[in-house]
Amino acid sequence: MHQLERWEDALRDYAVLRREMPNDVEVARGFFDVQVAIKKSRGEEIRKMRFGEDVEEVFDRDEFREVTDSPG
């Protein structure tokens, strides 16, 4: 539990840094890594998390085709 508290403290610190330096990639990466660590320590799913990407969940073949055929 103590480790989780430390990660949450780090997340707050990174949130402040993100507000101060919104375009800094190293700060953004650190913020993401801390979010992943918190999820792991809570036993949450992290398999689909990717730095710099939005993850969209697809449930069937038609939805997959719609997502992959759309521009962007």
PDB file of N, CA and C in Angstrom:
ATOM      1  N   MET A   1       0.830  -1.200   0.000  1.00  0.00           N
ATOM      2  CA  MET A   1       0.000   0.000   0.000  1.00  0.00           C
ATOM      3  C   MET A   1       0.868   1.255   0.000  1.00  0.00           C
ATOM      4  N   HIS A   2       2.000   1.189   0.673  1.00  0.00           N
ATOM      5  CA  HIS A   2       2.901   2.334   0.721  1.00  0.00           C
ATOM      6  C   HIS A   2       3.414   2.680  -0.671  1.00  0.00           C
ATOM      7  N   GLN A   3       3.702   1.659  -1.485  1.00  0.00           N
ATOM      8  CA  GLN A   3       4.179   1.881  -2.845  1.00  0.00           C
ATOM      9  C   GLN A   3       3.126   2.612  -3.681  1.00  0.00           C
ATOM     10  N   LEU A   4       1.861   2.238  -3.525  1.00  0.00           N
ATOM     11  CA  LEU A   4       0.784   2.897  -4.251  1.00  0.00           C
ATOM     12  C   LEU A   4       0.708   4.375  -3.873  1.00  0.00           C
ATOM     13  N   GLU A   5       0.864   4.671  -2.600  1.00  0.00           N
ATOM     14  CA  GLU A   5       0.856   6.066  -2.159  1.00  0.00           C
ATOM     15  C   GLU A   5       1.983   6.856  -2.811  1.00  0.00           C
ATOM     16  N   ARG A   6       3.142   6.234  -2.949  1.00  0.00           N
ATOM     17  CA  ARG A   6       4.266   6.915  -3.589  1.00  0.00           C
ATOM     18  C   ARG A   6       3.986   7.165  -5.062  1.00  0.00           C
ATOM     19  N   TRP A   7       3.367   6.179  -5.736  1.00  0.00           N
ATOM     20  CA  TRP A   7       3.013   6.381  -7.137  1.00  0.00           C
ATOM     21  C   TRP A   7       1.991   7.509  -7.281  1.00  0.00           C
ATOM     22  N   GLU A   8       1.022   7.556  -6.377  1.00  0.00           N
ATOM     23  CA  GLU A   8       0.010   8.612  -6.439  1.00  0.00           C
ATOM     24  C   GLU A   8       0.628   9.983  -6.190  1.00  0.00           C
ATOM     25  N   ASP A   9       1.610  10.061  -5.306  1.00  0.00           N
ATOM     26  CA  ASP A   9       2.347  11.316  -5.104  1.00  0.00           C
ATOM     27  C   ASP A   9       3.079  11.710  -6.383  1.00  0.00           C
ATOM     28  N   ALA A  10       3.702  10.737  -7.026  1.00  0.00           N
ATOM     29  CA  ALA A  10       4.419  10.997  -8.275  1.00  0.00           C
ATOM     30  C   ALA A  10       3.449  11.470  -9.357  1.00  0.00           C
ATOM     31  N   LEU A  11       2.255  10.885  -9.397  1.00  0.00           N
ATOM     32  CA  LEU A  11       1.263  11.288 -10.387  1.00  0.00           C
ATOM     33  C   LEU A  11       0.863  12.747 -10.184  1.00  0.00           C
ATOM     34  N   ARG A  12       0.678  13.159  -8.943  1.00  0.00           N
ATOM     35  CA  ARG A  12       0.353  14.560  -8.664  1.00  0.00           C
ATOM     36  C   ARG A  12       1.490  15.472  -9.109  1.00  0.00           C
ATOM     37  N   ASP A  13       2.727  15.058  -8.844  1.00  0.00           N
ATOM     38  CA  ASP A  13       3.886  15.859  -9.266  1.00  0.00           C
ATOM     39  C   ASP A  13       3.937  15.988 -10.787  1.00  0.00           C
ATOM     40  N   TYR A  14       3.717  14.880 -11.484  1.00  0.00           N
ATOM     41  CA  TYR A  14       3.723  14.928 -12.943  1.00  0.00           C
ATOM     42  C   TYR A  14       2.566  15.769 -13.481  1.00  0.00           C
ATOM     43  N   ALA A  15       1.431  15.747 -12.815  1.00  0.00           N
ATOM     44  CA  ALA A  15       0.301  16.561 -13.253  1.00  0.00           C
ATOM     45  C   ALA A  15       0.668  18.045 -13.197  1.00  0.00           C
ATOM     46  N   VAL A  16       1.381  18.448 -12.156  1.00  0.00           N
ATOM     47  CA  VAL A  16       1.845  19.835 -12.041  1.00  0.00           C
ATOM     48  C   VAL A  16       2.827  20.149 -13.161  1.00  0.00           C
ATOM     49  N   LEU A  17       3.771  19.242 -13.393  1.00  0.00           N
ATOM     50  CA  LEU A  17       4.744  19.445 -14.464  1.00  0.00           C
ATOM     51  C   LEU A  17       4.066  19.539 -15.829  1.00  0.00           C
ATOM     52  N   ARG A  18       3.045  18.733 -16.051  1.00  0.00           N
ATOM     53  CA  ARG A  18       2.329  18.777 -17.334  1.00  0.00           C
ATOM     54  C   ARG A  18       1.662  20.128 -17.549  1.00  0.00           C
ATOM     55  N   ARG A  19       1.123  20.711 -16.475  1.00  0.00           N
ATOM     56  CA  ARG A  19       0.510  22.032 -16.606  1.00  0.00           C
ATOM     57  C   ARG A  19       1.577  23.091 -16.908  1.00  0.00           C
ATOM     58  N   GLU A  20       2.751  22.949 -16.289  1.00  0.00           N
ATOM     59  CA  GLU A  20       3.836  23.910 -16.478  1.00  0.00           C
ATOM     60  C   GLU A  20       4.553  23.721 -17.814  1.00  0.00           C
ATOM     61  N   MET A  21       4.667  22.479 -18.273  1.00  0.00           N
ATOM     62  CA  MET A  21       5.402  22.162 -19.500  1.00  0.00           C
ATOM     63  C   MET A  21       4.566  21.227 -20.379  1.00  0.00           C
ATOM     64  N   PRO A  22       3.473  21.716 -20.947  1.00  0.00           N
ATOM     65  CA  PRO A  22       2.538  20.845 -21.658  1.00  0.00           C
ATOM     66  C   PRO A  22       3.109  20.172 -22.903  1.00  0.00           C
ATOM     67  N   ASN A  23       4.159  20.702 -23.484  1.00  0.00           N
ATOM     68  CA  ASN A  23       4.710  20.130 -24.717  1.00  0.00           C
ATOM     69  C   ASN A  23       5.960  19.290 -24.488  1.00  0.00           C
ATOM     70  N   ASP A  24       6.325  19.060 -23.244  1.00  0.00           N
ATOM     71  CA  ASP A  24       7.531  18.292 -22.926  1.00  0.00           C
ATOM     72  C   ASP A  24       7.232  16.795 -23.012  1.00  0.00           C
ATOM     73  N   VAL A  25       7.880  16.130 -23.951  1.00  0.00           N
ATOM     74  CA  VAL A  25       7.625  14.706 -24.187  1.00  0.00           C
ATOM     75  C   VAL A  25       8.107  13.858 -23.013  1.00  0.00           C
ATOM     76  N   GLU A  26       9.219  14.215 -22.404  1.00  0.00           N
ATOM     77  CA  GLU A  26       9.719  13.435 -21.260  1.00  0.00           C
ATOM     78  C   GLU A  26       8.759  13.505 -20.085  1.00  0.00           C
ATOM     79  N   VAL A  27       8.179  14.652 -19.849  1.00  0.00           N
ATOM     80  CA  VAL A  27       7.198  14.793 -18.766  1.00  0.00           C
ATOM     81  C   VAL A  27       5.951  13.977 -19.104  1.00  0.00           C
ATOM     82  N   ALA A  28       5.505  14.060 -20.356  1.00  0.00           N
ATOM     83  CA  ALA A  28       4.331  13.292 -20.776  1.00  0.00           C
ATOM     84  C   ALA A  28       4.586  11.797 -20.617  1.00  0.00           C
ATOM     85  N   ARG A  29       5.790  11.350 -20.985  1.00  0.00           N
ATOM     86  CA  ARG A  29       6.129   9.933 -20.866  1.00  0.00           C
ATOM     87  C   ARG A  29       6.162   9.511 -19.391  1.00  0.00           C
ATOM     88  N   GLY A  30       6.755  10.338 -18.542  1.00  0.00           N
ATOM     89  CA  GLY A  30       6.781  10.024 -17.120  1.00  0.00           C
ATOM     90  C   GLY A  30       5.384   9.940 -16.529  1.00  0.00           C
ATOM     91  N   PHE A  31       4.520  10.866 -16.920  1.00  0.00           N
ATOM     92  CA  PHE A  31       3.136  10.871 -16.458  1.00  0.00           C
ATOM     93  C   PHE A  31       2.435   9.577 -16.867  1.00  0.00           C
ATOM     94  N   PHE A  32       2.624   9.169 -18.126  1.00  0.00           N
ATOM     95  CA  PHE A  32       2.042   7.919 -18.623  1.00  0.00           C
ATOM     96  C   PHE A  32       2.584   6.715 -17.854  1.00  0.00           C
ATOM     97  N   ASP A  33       3.905   6.664 -17.666  1.00  0.00           N
ATOM     98  CA  ASP A  33       4.519   5.532 -16.967  1.00  0.00           C
ATOM     99  C   ASP A  33       4.001   5.392 -15.539  1.00  0.00           C
ATOM    100  N   VAL A  34       3.787   6.519 -14.880  1.00  0.00           N
ATOM    101  CA  VAL A  34       3.249   6.477 -13.514  1.00  0.00           C
ATOM    102  C   VAL A  34       1.806   5.973 -13.531  1.00  0.00           C
ATOM    103  N   GLN A  35       1.021   6.411 -14.527  1.00  0.00           N
ATOM    104  CA  GLN A  35      -0.352   5.904 -14.637  1.00  0.00           C
ATOM    105  C   GLN A  35      -0.361   4.389 -14.819  1.00  0.00           C
ATOM    106  N   VAL A  36       0.550   3.886 -15.641  1.00  0.00           N
ATOM    107  CA  VAL A  36       0.650   2.437 -15.859  1.00  0.00           C
ATOM    108  C   VAL A  36       1.023   1.734 -14.555  1.00  0.00           C
ATOM    109  N   ALA A  37       1.996   2.280 -13.839  1.00  0.00           N
ATOM    110  CA  ALA A  37       2.432   1.671 -12.579  1.00  0.00           C
ATOM    111  C   ALA A  37       1.300   1.615 -11.560  1.00  0.00           C
ATOM    112  N   ILE A  38       0.504   2.666 -11.499  1.00  0.00           N
ATOM    113  CA  ILE A  38      -0.631   2.685 -10.566  1.00  0.00           C
ATOM    114  C   ILE A  38      -1.642   1.609 -10.944  1.00  0.00           C
ATOM    115  N   LYS A  39      -1.965   1.520 -12.225  1.00  0.00           N
ATOM    116  CA  LYS A  39      -2.910   0.487 -12.663  1.00  0.00           C
ATOM    117  C   LYS A  39      -2.377  -0.912 -12.360  1.00  0.00           C
ATOM    118  N   LYS A  40      -1.086  -1.134 -12.611  1.00  0.00           N
ATOM    119  CA  LYS A  40      -0.496  -2.444 -12.317  1.00  0.00           C
ATOM    120  C   LYS A  40      -0.580  -2.754 -10.839  1.00  0.00           C
ATOM    121  N   SER A  41      -0.277  -1.782  -9.992  1.00  0.00           N
ATOM    122  CA  SER A  41      -0.290  -2.034  -8.553  1.00  0.00           C
ATOM    123  C   SER A  41      -1.700  -2.315  -8.037  1.00  0.00           C
ATOM    124  N   ARG A  42      -2.697  -1.836  -8.762  1.00  0.00           N
ATOM    125  CA  ARG A  42      -4.101  -2.102  -8.394  1.00  0.00           C
ATOM    126  C   ARG A  42      -4.635  -3.368  -9.046  1.00  0.00           C
ATOM    127  N   GLY A  43      -3.823  -3.995  -9.897  1.00  0.00           N
ATOM    128  CA  GLY A  43      -4.254  -5.207 -10.584  1.00  0.00           C
ATOM    129  C   GLY A  43      -5.165  -4.936 -11.761  1.00  0.00           C
ATOM    130  N   GLU A  44      -5.148  -3.709 -12.283  1.00  0.00           N
ATOM    131  CA  GLU A  44      -6.002  -3.348 -13.408  1.00  0.00           C
ATOM    132  C   GLU A  44      -5.340  -3.721 -14.731  1.00  0.00           C
ATOM    133  N   GLU A  45      -6.135  -3.791 -15.766  1.00  0.00           N
ATOM    134  CA  GLU A  45      -5.682  -4.136 -17.111  1.00  0.00           C
ATOM    135  C   GLU A  45      -4.824  -3.012 -17.689  1.00  0.00           C
ATOM    136  N   ILE A  46      -3.638  -3.359 -18.167  1.00  0.00           N
ATOM    137  CA  ILE A  46      -2.761  -2.363 -18.799  1.00  0.00           C
ATOM    138  C   ILE A  46      -2.328  -2.803 -20.192  1.00  0.00           C
ATOM    139  N   ARG A  47      -2.732  -3.943 -20.620  1.00  0.00           N
ATOM    140  CA  ARG A  47      -2.274  -4.527 -21.883  1.00  0.00           C
ATOM    141  C   ARG A  47      -2.522  -3.610 -23.074  1.00  0.00           C
ATOM    142  N   LYS A  48      -3.611  -2.892 -23.090  1.00  0.00           N
ATOM    143  CA  LYS A  48      -3.960  -2.060 -24.235  1.00  0.00           C
ATOM    144  C   LYS A  48      -3.443  -0.619 -24.125  1.00  0.00           C
ATOM    145  N   MET A  49      -2.793  -0.283 -23.051  1.00  0.00           N
ATOM    146  CA  MET A  49      -2.298   1.081 -22.881  1.00  0.00           C
ATOM    147  C   MET A  49      -1.046   1.293 -23.728  1.00  0.00           C
ATOM    148  N   ARG A  50      -1.022   2.366 -24.491  1.00  0.00           N
ATOM    149  CA  ARG A  50       0.116   2.715 -25.323  1.00  0.00           C
ATOM    150  C   ARG A  50       0.381   4.205 -25.172  1.00  0.00           C
ATOM    151  N   PHE A  51       1.621   4.564 -25.025  1.00  0.00           N
ATOM    152  CA  PHE A  51       1.989   5.970 -24.896  1.00  0.00           C
ATOM    153  C   PHE A  51       1.681   6.706 -26.192  1.00  0.00           C
ATOM    154  N   GLY A  52       0.972   7.804 -26.076  1.00  0.00           N
ATOM    155  CA  GLY A  52       0.685   8.644 -27.227  1.00  0.00           C
ATOM    156  C   GLY A  52      -0.426   8.151 -28.118  1.00  0.00           C
ATOM    157  N   GLU A  53      -1.132   7.141 -27.706  1.00  0.00           N
ATOM    158  CA  GLU A  53      -2.218   6.600 -28.528  1.00  0.00           C
ATOM    159  C   GLU A  53      -3.508   6.555 -27.727  1.00  0.00           C
ATOM    160  N   ASP A  54      -4.599   6.741 -28.435  1.00  0.00           N
ATOM    161  CA  ASP A  54      -5.901   6.478 -27.842  1.00  0.00           C
ATOM    162  C   ASP A  54      -6.269   5.051 -28.216  1.00  0.00           C
ATOM    163  N   VAL A  55      -6.775   4.324 -27.279  1.00  0.00           N
ATOM    164  CA  VAL A  55      -7.141   2.937 -27.521  1.00  0.00           C
ATOM    165  C   VAL A  55      -8.651   2.864 -27.684  1.00  0.00           C
ATOM    166  N   GLU A  56      -9.067   2.231 -28.751  1.00  0.00           N
ATOM    167  CA  GLU A  56     -10.485   2.041 -28.991  1.00  0.00           C
ATOM    168  C   GLU A  56     -10.794   0.560 -28.901  1.00  0.00           C
ATOM    169  N   GLU A  57     -11.774   0.204 -28.091  1.00  0.00           N
ATOM    170  CA  GLU A  57     -12.144  -1.194 -27.923  1.00  0.00           C
ATOM    171  C   GLU A  57     -13.130  -1.594 -29.011  1.00  0.00           C
ATOM    172  N   VAL A  58     -12.863  -2.709 -29.667  1.00  0.00           N
ATOM    173  CA  VAL A  58     -13.690  -3.208 -30.755  1.00  0.00           C
ATOM    174  C   VAL A  58     -14.245  -4.561 -30.344  1.00  0.00           C
ATOM    175  N   PHE A  59     -15.537  -4.770 -30.587  1.00  0.00           N
ATOM    176  CA  PHE A  59     -16.197  -5.967 -30.096  1.00  0.00           C
ATOM    177  C   PHE A  59     -16.591  -6.978 -31.162  1.00  0.00           C
ATOM    178  N   ASP A  60     -16.629  -6.568 -32.434  1.00  0.00           N
ATOM    179  CA  ASP A  60     -16.964  -7.530 -33.467  1.00  0.00           C
ATOM    180  C   ASP A  60     -16.280  -7.159 -34.782  1.00  0.00           C
ATOM    181  N   ARG A  61     -16.382  -8.058 -35.759  1.00  0.00           N
ATOM    182  CA  ARG A  61     -15.682  -7.893 -37.037  1.00  0.00           C
ATOM    183  C   ARG A  61     -16.166  -6.665 -37.800  1.00  0.00           C
ATOM    184  N   ASP A  62     -17.458  -6.396 -37.808  1.00  0.00           N
ATOM    185  CA  ASP A  62     -17.991  -5.230 -38.520  1.00  0.00           C
ATOM    186  C   ASP A  62     -17.478  -3.928 -37.919  1.00  0.00           C
ATOM    187  N   GLU A  63     -17.452  -3.870 -36.613  1.00  0.00           N
ATOM    188  CA  GLU A  63     -16.929  -2.679 -35.938  1.00  0.00           C
ATOM    189  C   GLU A  63     -15.436  -2.512 -36.228  1.00  0.00           C
ATOM    190  N   PHE A  64     -14.704  -3.626 -36.278  1.00  0.00           N
ATOM    191  CA  PHE A  64     -13.282  -3.579 -36.610  1.00  0.00           C
ATOM    192  C   PHE A  64     -13.082  -2.996 -38.012  1.00  0.00           C
ATOM    193  N   ARG A  65     -13.846  -3.470 -38.972  1.00  0.00           N
ATOM    194  CA  ARG A  65     -13.743  -2.960 -40.346  1.00  0.00           C
ATOM    195  C   ARG A  65     -14.054  -1.472 -40.399  1.00  0.00           C
ATOM    196  N   GLU A  66     -15.082  -1.054 -39.673  1.00  0.00           N
ATOM    197  CA  GLU A  66     -15.457   0.358 -39.658  1.00  0.00           C
ATOM    198  C   GLU A  66     -14.324   1.223 -39.117  1.00  0.00           C
ATOM    199  N   VAL A  67     -13.696   0.775 -38.053  1.00  0.00           N
ATOM    200  CA  VAL A  67     -12.598   1.537 -37.441  1.00  0.00           C
ATOM    201  C   VAL A  67     -11.383   1.561 -38.339  1.00  0.00           C
ATOM    202  N   THR A  68     -11.013   0.415 -38.913  1.00  0.00           N
ATOM    203  CA  THR A  68      -9.790   0.361 -39.719  1.00  0.00           C
ATOM    204  C   THR A  68      -9.968   0.968 -41.102  1.00  0.00           C
ATOM    205  N   ASP A  69     -11.181   1.068 -41.597  1.00  0.00           N
ATOM    206  CA  ASP A  69     -11.424   1.682 -42.902  1.00  0.00           C
ATOM    207  C   ASP A  69     -11.631   3.192 -42.827  1.00  0.00           C
ATOM    208  N   SER A  70     -11.852   3.711 -41.623  1.00  0.00           N
ATOM    209  CA  SER A  70     -12.095   5.148 -41.504  1.00  0.00           C
ATOM    210  C   SER A  70     -10.777   5.922 -41.614  1.00  0.00           C
ATOM    211  N   PRO A  71     -10.827   7.125 -42.186  1.00  0.00           N
ATOM    212  CA  PRO A  71      -9.599   7.930 -42.303  1.00  0.00           C
ATOM    213  C   PRO A  71      -9.039   8.290 -40.935  1.00  0.00           C
ATOM    214  N   GLY A  72      -7.739   8.329 -40.835  1.00  0.00           N
ATOM    215  CA  GLY A  72      -7.077   8.700 -39.582  1.00  0.00           C
ATOM    216  C   GLY A  72      -6.947   7.550 -38.677  1.00  0.00           C
TER     217      GLY A  72
END
